[in-house]
C-alpha atoms as a PDB file:
ATOM      1  CA  MET A   1      -3.143 -15.456 -10.460  1.00  0.00           C
ATOM      2  CA  LEU A   2      -3.397 -17.141  -7.037  1.00  0.00           C
ATOM      3  CA  ASN A   3      -0.372 -17.845  -4.817  1.00  0.00           C
ATOM      4  CA  VAL A   4      -0.746 -19.640  -1.507  1.00  0.00           C
ATOM      5  CA  THR A   5       2.447 -19.839   0.535  1.00  0.00           C
ATOM      6  CA  GLY A   6       3.052 -21.721   3.758  1.00  0.00           C
ATOM      7  CA  ILE A   7      -0.444 -21.397   5.218  1.00  0.00           C
ATOM      8  CA  GLN A   8      -1.130 -22.855   8.631  1.00  0.00           C
ATOM      9  CA  VAL A   9      -4.667 -23.334   9.947  1.00  0.00           C
ATOM     10  CA  PHE A  10      -5.767 -24.534  13.370  1.00  0.00           C
ATOM     11  CA  TYR A  11      -9.140 -25.613  14.713  1.00  0.00           C
ATOM     12  CA  ASP A  12      -8.508 -24.965  18.414  1.00  0.00           C
ATOM     13  CA  ASN A  13      -5.635 -27.370  19.151  1.00  0.00           C
ATOM     14  CA  ILE A  14      -5.984 -29.339  15.919  1.00  0.00           C
ATOM     15  CA  HIS A  15      -3.406 -28.439  13.267  1.00  0.00           C
ATOM     16  CA  ALA A  16      -5.604 -28.782  10.227  1.00  0.00           C
ATOM     17  CA  ILE A  17      -3.407 -27.246   7.485  1.00  0.00           C
ATOM     18  CA  LYS A  18       0.351 -27.622   7.751  1.00  0.00           C
ATOM     19  CA  ASP A  19       2.559 -25.323   5.693  1.00  0.00           C
ATOM     20  CA  VAL A  20       0.613 -25.735   2.434  1.00  0.00           C
ATOM     21  CA  SER A  21       1.825 -23.945  -0.678  1.00  0.00           C
ATOM     22  CA  PHE A  22       0.474 -23.992  -4.220  1.00  0.00           C
ATOM     23  CA  HIS A  23      -0.343 -21.744  -7.107  1.00  0.00           C
ATOM     24  CA  VAL A  24      -2.976 -21.386  -9.803  1.00  0.00           C
ATOM     25  CA  ASP A  25      -2.074 -19.642 -13.079  1.00  0.00           C
ATOM     26  CA  GLU A  26      -4.579 -17.750 -15.262  1.00  0.00           C
ATOM     27  CA  GLY A  27      -6.561 -20.042 -17.512  1.00  0.00           C
ATOM     28  CA  GLU A  28      -5.794 -23.246 -15.614  1.00  0.00           C
ATOM     29  CA  ILE A  29      -7.918 -25.866 -13.924  1.00  0.00           C
ATOM     30  CA  VAL A  30      -6.028 -26.913 -10.814  1.00  0.00           C
ATOM     31  CA  THR A  31      -7.371 -29.619  -8.530  1.00  0.00           C
ATOM     32  CA  LEU A  32      -6.811 -30.485  -4.871  1.00  0.00           C
ATOM     33  CA  ILE A  33      -7.421 -34.120  -4.174  1.00  0.00           C
ATOM     34  CA  GLY A  34      -7.194 -36.280  -1.056  1.00  0.00           C
ATOM     35  CA  ALA A  35      -9.183 -38.376   1.364  1.00  0.00           C
ATOM     36  CA  ASN A  36     -11.920 -36.986   3.562  1.00  0.00           C
ATOM     37  CA  GLY A  37     -10.378 -34.885   6.306  1.00  0.00           C
ATOM     38  CA  ALA A  38      -7.258 -34.105   4.255  1.00  0.00           C
ATOM     39  CA  GLY A  39      -7.950 -30.367   4.552  1.00  0.00           C
ATOM     40  CA  LYS A  40      -9.214 -29.572   1.036  1.00  0.00           C
ATOM     41  CA  SER A  41     -12.327 -27.647   1.996  1.00  0.00           C
ATOM     42  CA  THR A  42     -10.480 -25.857   4.806  1.00  0.00           C
ATOM     43  CA  ILE A  43      -8.019 -24.496   2.248  1.00  0.00           C
ATOM     44  CA  LEU A  44     -10.835 -23.070   0.100  1.00  0.00           C
ATOM     45  CA  LYS A  45     -12.499 -21.515   3.110  1.00  0.00           C
ATOM     46  CA  THR A  46      -9.198 -19.961   4.102  1.00  0.00           C
ATOM     47  CA  ILE A  47      -8.656 -18.478   0.633  1.00  0.00           C
ATOM     48  CA  SER A  48     -12.209 -17.057   0.567  1.00  0.00           C
ATOM     49  CA  GLY A  49     -11.778 -15.406   4.018  1.00  0.00           C
ATOM     50  CA  LEU A  50     -14.149 -17.638   5.965  1.00  0.00           C
ATOM     51  CA  ILE A  51     -11.198 -18.921   8.024  1.00  0.00           C
ATOM     52  CA  ARG A  52      -8.141 -16.857   9.011  1.00  0.00           C
ATOM     53  CA  PRO A  53      -4.802 -18.649   8.738  1.00  0.00           C
ATOM     54  CA  ALA A  54      -2.427 -18.625  11.698  1.00  0.00           C
ATOM     55  CA  ALA A  55       0.467 -18.049   9.331  1.00  0.00           C
ATOM     56  CA  GLY A  56       1.296 -17.871   5.635  1.00  0.00           C
ATOM     57  CA  LYS A  57       0.465 -15.728   2.622  1.00  0.00           C
ATOM     58  CA  ILE A  58      -2.431 -15.720   0.166  1.00  0.00           C
ATOM     59  CA  GLU A  59      -2.075 -13.449  -2.851  1.00  0.00           C
ATOM     60  CA  PHE A  60      -4.628 -12.921  -5.633  1.00  0.00           C
ATOM     61  CA  LEU A  61      -3.573 -10.960  -8.710  1.00  0.00           C
ATOM     62  CA  GLY A  62      -0.459  -9.883  -6.871  1.00  0.00           C
ATOM     63  CA  HIS A  63      -2.168  -8.539  -3.741  1.00  0.00           C
ATOM     64  CA  SER A  64      -2.556 -10.040  -0.305  1.00  0.00           C
ATOM     65  CA  ILE A  65      -6.117 -11.099   0.584  1.00  0.00           C
ATOM     66  CA  VAL A  66      -5.316 -12.665   3.947  1.00  0.00           C
ATOM     67  CA  ASN A  67      -6.975  -9.975   6.085  1.00  0.00           C
ATOM     68  CA  LEU A  68      -9.869  -9.230   3.800  1.00  0.00           C
ATOM     69  CA  SER A  69     -13.428 -10.124   4.671  1.00  0.00           C
ATOM     70  CA  PRO A  70     -15.200 -12.613   2.377  1.00  0.00           C
ATOM     71  CA  HIS A  71     -17.387  -9.977   0.597  1.00  0.00           C
ATOM     72  CA  LYS A  72     -14.304  -7.909  -0.235  1.00  0.00           C
ATOM     73  CA  ILE A  73     -12.612 -11.007  -1.704  1.00  0.00           C
ATOM     74  CA  VAL A  74     -15.682 -11.665  -3.863  1.00  0.00           C
ATOM     75  CA  ARG A  75     -15.500  -8.082  -5.083  1.00  0.00           C
ATOM     76  CA  LYS A  76     -11.988  -8.828  -6.280  1.00  0.00           C
ATOM     77  CA  ARG A  77     -13.622 -11.448  -8.550  1.00  0.00           C
ATOM     78  CA  LEU A  78     -12.668 -14.562  -6.598  1.00  0.00           C
ATOM     79  CA  ALA A  79     -15.777 -16.667  -5.996  1.00  0.00           C
ATOM     80  CA  HIS A  80     -16.324 -19.752  -3.901  1.00  0.00           C
ATOM     81  CA  CYS A  81     -19.002 -22.370  -4.658  1.00  0.00           C
ATOM     82  CA  PRO A  82     -19.086 -24.257  -1.360  1.00  0.00           C
ATOM     83  CA  GLU A  83     -19.486 -27.900  -0.490  1.00  0.00           C
ATOM     84  CA  GLY A  84     -23.152 -28.765  -0.026  1.00  0.00           C
ATOM     85  CA  ARG A  85     -24.214 -25.914  -2.340  1.00  0.00           C
ATOM     86  CA  ARG A  86     -25.545 -23.733   0.490  1.00  0.00           C
ATOM     87  CA  LEU A  87     -28.478 -22.385  -1.494  1.00  0.00           C
ATOM     88  CA  PHE A  88     -31.252 -20.242  -0.097  1.00  0.00           C
ATOM     89  CA  LEU A  89     -33.750 -23.105  -0.232  1.00  0.00           C
ATOM     90  CA  GLN A  90     -36.893 -21.101   0.346  1.00  0.00           C
ATOM     91  CA  MET A  91     -36.027 -18.601  -2.378  1.00  0.00           C
ATOM     92  CA  ASN A  92     -36.573 -19.307  -6.037  1.00  0.00           C
ATOM     93  CA  VAL A  93     -33.905 -19.842  -8.686  1.00  0.00           C
ATOM     94  CA  ARG A  94     -33.933 -16.259  -9.914  1.00  0.00           C
ATOM     95  CA  GLU A  95     -33.632 -14.884  -6.382  1.00  0.00           C
ATOM     96  CA  ASN A  96     -30.691 -17.174  -5.625  1.00  0.00           C
ATOM     97  CA  LEU A  97     -28.919 -16.030  -8.788  1.00  0.00           C
ATOM     98  CA  GLN A  98     -29.519 -12.407  -7.934  1.00  0.00           C
ATOM     99  CA  MET A  99     -27.848 -12.960  -4.554  1.00  0.00           C
ATOM    100  CA  GLY A 100     -24.708 -13.969  -6.411  1.00  0.00           C
ATOM    101  CA  ALA A 101     -24.375 -10.384  -7.759  1.00  0.00           C
ATOM    102  CA  TYR A 102     -24.928  -8.660  -4.426  1.00  0.00           C
ATOM    103  CA  SER A 103     -21.346  -7.411  -4.249  1.00  0.00           C
ATOM    104  CA  ARG A 104     -21.295  -5.889  -7.729  1.00  0.00           C
ATOM    105  CA  GLU A 105     -22.062  -2.231  -8.524  1.00  0.00           C
ATOM    106  CA  ASP A 106     -23.972  -1.035 -11.603  1.00  0.00           C
ATOM    107  CA  VAL A 107     -24.831  -4.601 -12.615  1.00  0.00           C
ATOM    108  CA  ASP A 108     -27.198  -5.161 -15.540  1.00  0.00           C
ATOM    109  CA  MET A 109     -29.151  -7.816 -13.709  1.00  0.00           C
ATOM    110  CA  GLU A 110     -31.251  -8.946 -16.652  1.00  0.00           C
ATOM    111  CA  ALA A 111     -28.237  -9.294 -18.936  1.00  0.00           C
ATOM    112  CA  GLU A 112     -26.294 -11.266 -16.308  1.00  0.00           C
ATOM    113  CA  LEU A 113     -29.256 -13.534 -15.620  1.00  0.00           C
ATOM    114  CA  ALA A 114     -29.654 -14.105 -19.369  1.00  0.00           C
ATOM    115  CA  ALA A 115     -25.988 -15.186 -19.579  1.00  0.00           C
ATOM    116  CA  VAL A 116     -26.418 -17.693 -16.751  1.00  0.00           C
ATOM    117  CA  TYR A 117     -29.652 -19.025 -18.289  1.00  0.00           C
ATOM    118  CA  GLU A 118     -27.799 -19.506 -21.590  1.00  0.00           C
ATOM    119  CA  ARG A 119     -25.078 -21.493 -19.818  1.00  0.00           C
ATOM    120  CA  PHE A 120     -27.577 -23.442 -17.690  1.00  0.00           C
ATOM    121  CA  PRO A 121     -30.882 -23.699 -19.680  1.00  0.00           C
ATOM    122  CA  ILE A 122     -32.555 -25.813 -16.993  1.00  0.00           C
ATOM    123  CA  LEU A 123     -32.307 -22.849 -14.635  1.00  0.00           C
ATOM    124  CA  ASP A 124     -34.238 -20.737 -17.091  1.00  0.00           C
ATOM    125  CA  GLU A 125     -36.995 -23.332 -17.083  1.00  0.00           C
ATOM    126  CA  ARG A 126     -36.964 -23.401 -13.310  1.00  0.00           C
ATOM    127  CA  ARG A 127     -36.429 -19.673 -12.682  1.00  0.00           C
ATOM    128  CA  ASN A 128     -39.577 -19.349 -10.535  1.00  0.00           C
ATOM    129  CA  GLN A 129     -39.194 -22.679  -8.746  1.00  0.00           C
ATOM    130  CA  ARG A 130     -38.096 -22.833  -5.121  1.00  0.00           C
ATOM    131  CA  ALA A 131     -34.415 -23.898  -4.886  1.00  0.00           C
ATOM    132  CA  GLY A 132     -35.212 -26.531  -2.245  1.00  0.00           C
ATOM    133  CA  SER A 133     -37.460 -28.351  -4.700  1.00  0.00           C
ATOM    134  CA  LEU A 134     -34.772 -28.807  -7.360  1.00  0.00           C
ATOM    135  CA  SER A 135     -32.986 -32.076  -8.000  1.00  0.00           C
ATOM    136  CA  GLY A 136     -29.414 -32.512  -6.781  1.00  0.00           C
ATOM    137  CA  GLY A 137     -27.926 -31.818 -10.219  1.00  0.00           C
ATOM    138  CA  GLU A 138     -30.114 -28.759 -10.686  1.00  0.00           C
ATOM    139  CA  GLN A 139     -29.107 -27.414  -7.271  1.00  0.00           C
ATOM    140  CA  GLN A 140     -25.443 -27.825  -8.187  1.00  0.00           C
ATOM    141  CA  MET A 141     -25.989 -25.934 -11.440  1.00  0.00           C
ATOM    142  CA  LEU A 142     -27.753 -23.217  -9.476  1.00  0.00           C
ATOM    143  CA  ALA A 143     -24.874 -22.985  -6.995  1.00  0.00           C
ATOM    144  CA  MET A 144     -22.415 -22.647  -9.923  1.00  0.00           C
ATOM    145  CA  GLY A 145     -24.647 -20.126 -11.644  1.00  0.00           C
ATOM    146  CA  ARG A 146     -24.925 -18.063  -8.455  1.00  0.00           C
ATOM    147  CA  ALA A 147     -21.145 -18.011  -8.199  1.00  0.00           C
ATOM    148  CA  MET A 148     -20.871 -16.972 -11.860  1.00  0.00           C
ATOM    149  CA  MET A 149     -23.098 -13.969 -11.167  1.00  0.00           C
ATOM    150  CA  ALA A 150     -20.123 -12.489  -9.295  1.00  0.00           C
ATOM    151  CA  LYS A 151     -18.219 -12.477 -12.614  1.00  0.00           C
ATOM    152  CA  PRO A 152     -15.238 -14.314 -11.101  1.00  0.00           C
ATOM    153  CA  LEU A 153     -11.822 -14.407 -12.686  1.00  0.00           C
ATOM    154  CA  LEU A 154     -11.147 -17.401 -10.447  1.00  0.00           C
ATOM    155  CA  LEU A 155     -13.907 -19.811  -9.373  1.00  0.00           C
ATOM    156  CA  MET A 156     -13.307 -22.222  -6.515  1.00  0.00           C
ATOM    157  CA  LEU A 157     -15.545 -25.339  -6.652  1.00  0.00           C
ATOM    158  CA  ASP A 158     -15.817 -27.540  -3.596  1.00  0.00           C
ATOM    159  CA  GLU A 159     -17.040 -31.086  -4.262  1.00  0.00           C
ATOM    160  CA  PRO A 160     -19.382 -30.253  -7.171  1.00  0.00           C
ATOM    161  CA  SER A 161     -20.153 -33.938  -7.845  1.00  0.00           C
ATOM    162  CA  MET A 162     -21.138 -34.793  -4.264  1.00  0.00           C
ATOM    163  CA  GLY A 163     -24.285 -36.895  -4.090  1.00  0.00           C
ATOM    164  CA  LEU A 164     -24.946 -36.884  -7.843  1.00  0.00           C
ATOM    165  CA  ALA A 165     -25.683 -39.836 -10.121  1.00  0.00           C
ATOM    166  CA  PRO A 166     -22.855 -40.730 -12.534  1.00  0.00           C
ATOM    167  CA  ILE A 167     -24.577 -39.216 -15.566  1.00  0.00           C
ATOM    168  CA  LEU A 168     -25.068 -35.939 -13.692  1.00  0.00           C
ATOM    169  CA  VAL A 169     -21.414 -35.978 -12.579  1.00  0.00           C
ATOM    170  CA  GLU A 170     -20.388 -36.089 -16.241  1.00  0.00           C
ATOM    171  CA  GLN A 171     -22.653 -33.132 -17.002  1.00  0.00           C
ATOM    172  CA  ILE A 172     -21.225 -31.090 -14.171  1.00  0.00           C
ATOM    173  CA  PHE A 173     -17.682 -31.802 -15.235  1.00  0.00           C
ATOM    174  CA  ASP A 174     -18.527 -30.894 -18.810  1.00  0.00           C
ATOM    175  CA  LEU A 175     -19.873 -27.572 -17.544  1.00  0.00           C
ATOM    176  CA  ILE A 176     -16.659 -26.958 -15.574  1.00  0.00           C
ATOM    177  CA  VAL A 177     -14.636 -27.435 -18.731  1.00  0.00           C
ATOM    178  CA  GLU A 178     -16.998 -25.090 -20.656  1.00  0.00           C
ATOM    179  CA  LEU A 179     -16.587 -22.385 -17.999  1.00  0.00           C
ATOM    180  CA  ASN A 180     -12.845 -22.764 -18.193  1.00  0.00           C
ATOM    181  CA  ASP A 181     -12.854 -22.625 -21.968  1.00  0.00           C
ATOM    182  CA  ALA A 182     -14.881 -19.426 -21.715  1.00  0.00           C
ATOM    183  CA  GLY A 183     -12.090 -17.788 -19.673  1.00  0.00           C
ATOM    184  CA  THR A 184     -12.733 -18.639 -16.014  1.00  0.00           C
ATOM    185  CA  THR A 185      -9.798 -20.050 -14.072  1.00  0.00           C
ATOM    186  CA  ILE A 186     -10.855 -22.946 -11.824  1.00  0.00           C
ATOM    187  CA  LEU A 187      -9.603 -24.264  -8.470  1.00  0.00           C
ATOM    188  CA  LEU A 188     -11.377 -27.584  -7.964  1.00  0.00           C
ATOM    189  CA  VAL A 189     -11.689 -29.630  -4.807  1.00  0.00           C
ATOM    190  CA  GLU A 190     -13.144 -33.038  -5.628  1.00  0.00           C
ATOM    191  CA  GLN A 191     -13.524 -36.429  -3.955  1.00  0.00           C
ATOM    192  CA  ASN A 192     -13.827 -38.060  -7.380  1.00  0.00           C
ATOM    193  CA  ALA A 193     -10.093 -37.862  -8.024  1.00  0.00           C
ATOM    194  CA  GLU A 194     -10.111 -39.610 -11.377  1.00  0.00           C
ATOM    195  CA  MET A 195     -12.721 -37.243 -12.825  1.00  0.00           C
ATOM    196  CA  ALA A 196     -10.900 -34.239 -11.401  1.00  0.00           C
ATOM    197  CA  LEU A 197      -7.560 -35.300 -12.802  1.00  0.00           C
ATOM    198  CA  SER A 198      -9.103 -36.045 -16.179  1.00  0.00           C
ATOM    199  CA  ILE A 199     -10.082 -32.394 -16.751  1.00  0.00           C
ATOM    200  CA  ALA A 200      -7.448 -30.463 -14.765  1.00  0.00           C
ATOM    201  CA  ASP A 201      -4.045 -29.218 -15.865  1.00  0.00           C
ATOM    202  CA  ARG A 202      -2.225 -29.763 -12.588  1.00  0.00           C
ATOM    203  CA  GLY A 203      -3.047 -31.414  -9.252  1.00  0.00           C
ATOM    204  CA  TYR A 204      -1.964 -31.304  -5.624  1.00  0.00           C
ATOM    205  CA  VAL A 205      -2.475 -34.346  -3.376  1.00  0.00           C
ATOM    206  CA  LEU A 206      -3.171 -33.683   0.281  1.00  0.00           C
ATOM    207  CA  GLU A 207      -2.861 -35.952   3.261  1.00  0.00           C
ATOM    208  CA  THR A 208      -3.688 -34.873   6.816  1.00  0.00           C
ATOM    209  CA  GLY A 209      -3.292 -31.231   6.002  1.00  0.00           C
ATOM    210  CA  SER A 210      -0.090 -31.374   3.941  1.00  0.00           C
ATOM    211  CA  VAL A 211       0.710 -31.462   0.266  1.00  0.00           C
ATOM    212  CA  VAL A 212       2.428 -34.815  -0.376  1.00  0.00           C
ATOM    213  CA  THR A 213       2.514 -34.942  -4.164  1.00  0.00           C
ATOM    214  CA  THR A 214       2.084 -32.496  -7.049  1.00  0.00           C
ATOM    215  CA  GLY A 215       2.410 -32.614 -10.767  1.00  0.00           C
ATOM    216  CA  ASN A 216       0.613 -32.446 -14.073  1.00  0.00           C
ATOM    217  CA  CYS A 217      -2.533 -34.531 -14.172  1.00  0.00           C
ATOM    218  CA  ALA A 218      -1.365 -37.016 -16.791  1.00  0.00           C
ATOM    219  CA  ASP A 219       1.545 -37.966 -14.520  1.00  0.00           C
ATOM    220  CA  LEU A 220      -0.676 -38.156 -11.435  1.00  0.00           C
ATOM    221  CA  LEU A 221      -3.154 -40.428 -13.218  1.00  0.00           C
ATOM    222  CA  ASN A 222      -0.317 -42.835 -13.991  1.00  0.00           C
ATOM    223  CA  ASP A 223       1.192 -42.733 -10.468  1.00  0.00           C
ATOM    224  CA  GLU A 224       0.838 -46.267  -9.078  1.00  0.00           C
ATOM    225  CA  ARG A 225       0.632 -45.147  -5.490  1.00  0.00           C
ATOM    226  CA  LEU A 226      -2.091 -42.663  -6.265  1.00  0.00           C
ATOM    227  CA  LYS A 227      -3.991 -45.263  -8.296  1.00  0.00           C
ATOM    228  CA  LYS A 228      -4.120 -47.570  -5.253  1.00  0.00           C
ATOM    229  CA  ALA A 229      -4.929 -44.779  -2.822  1.00  0.00           C
ATOM    230  CA  TYR A 230      -7.462 -42.683  -4.757  1.00  0.00           C
ATOM    231  CA  LEU A 231      -8.245 -44.100  -8.202  1.00  0.00           C
ATOM    232  CA  GLY A 232      -9.315 -47.647  -7.392  1.00  0.00           C
ATOM    233  CA  GLY A 233      -6.263 -49.147  -9.080  1.00  0.00           C
END
């Protein structure tokens, strides 16, 4: 479904992403883990067209998306739920969700909203509440719901557990699994490496802009070096 091959990204003279390659197959949850500054968020921004790579290939459903603008990538049904949620804080829940469908034509807005409300019942209760007044967990659900309004085949989630209490982290990860079970392929960037590896099929470990380890998540969870570096072992 998604193939990233040899991408290079620079911030001025800083070589942020160094020859990174990975793939995501249909139906998978794939996670990118690593310390702060490893390049995880930069990779997602590059895939979604917010950053242009200096070199490399990015193919989605067999077609290059490297030179496409972000809104055209969303129209291809690849959605990005960014770090920090990036909600429209002065708009209400319903309005934020509607913004998620801006790139779609002939959308049945009420039916799509109903589907999101069914998945996230708290958003139905808060539909007329200003997004900036929601709790952290509710804001994360709204960000995910807004991304789902684009009807993505592949959903990229950047740090969905950031700043949340442990019980809310579990809820968010349960929702990620539910979305995947319902047919959405997931590319997950997550600082909570143990939680990410516990739900994903495969993982890629990044250090200073390079992939240093990859494998199925059961093996990565049992890797002694990774345990010491990322899992508190």
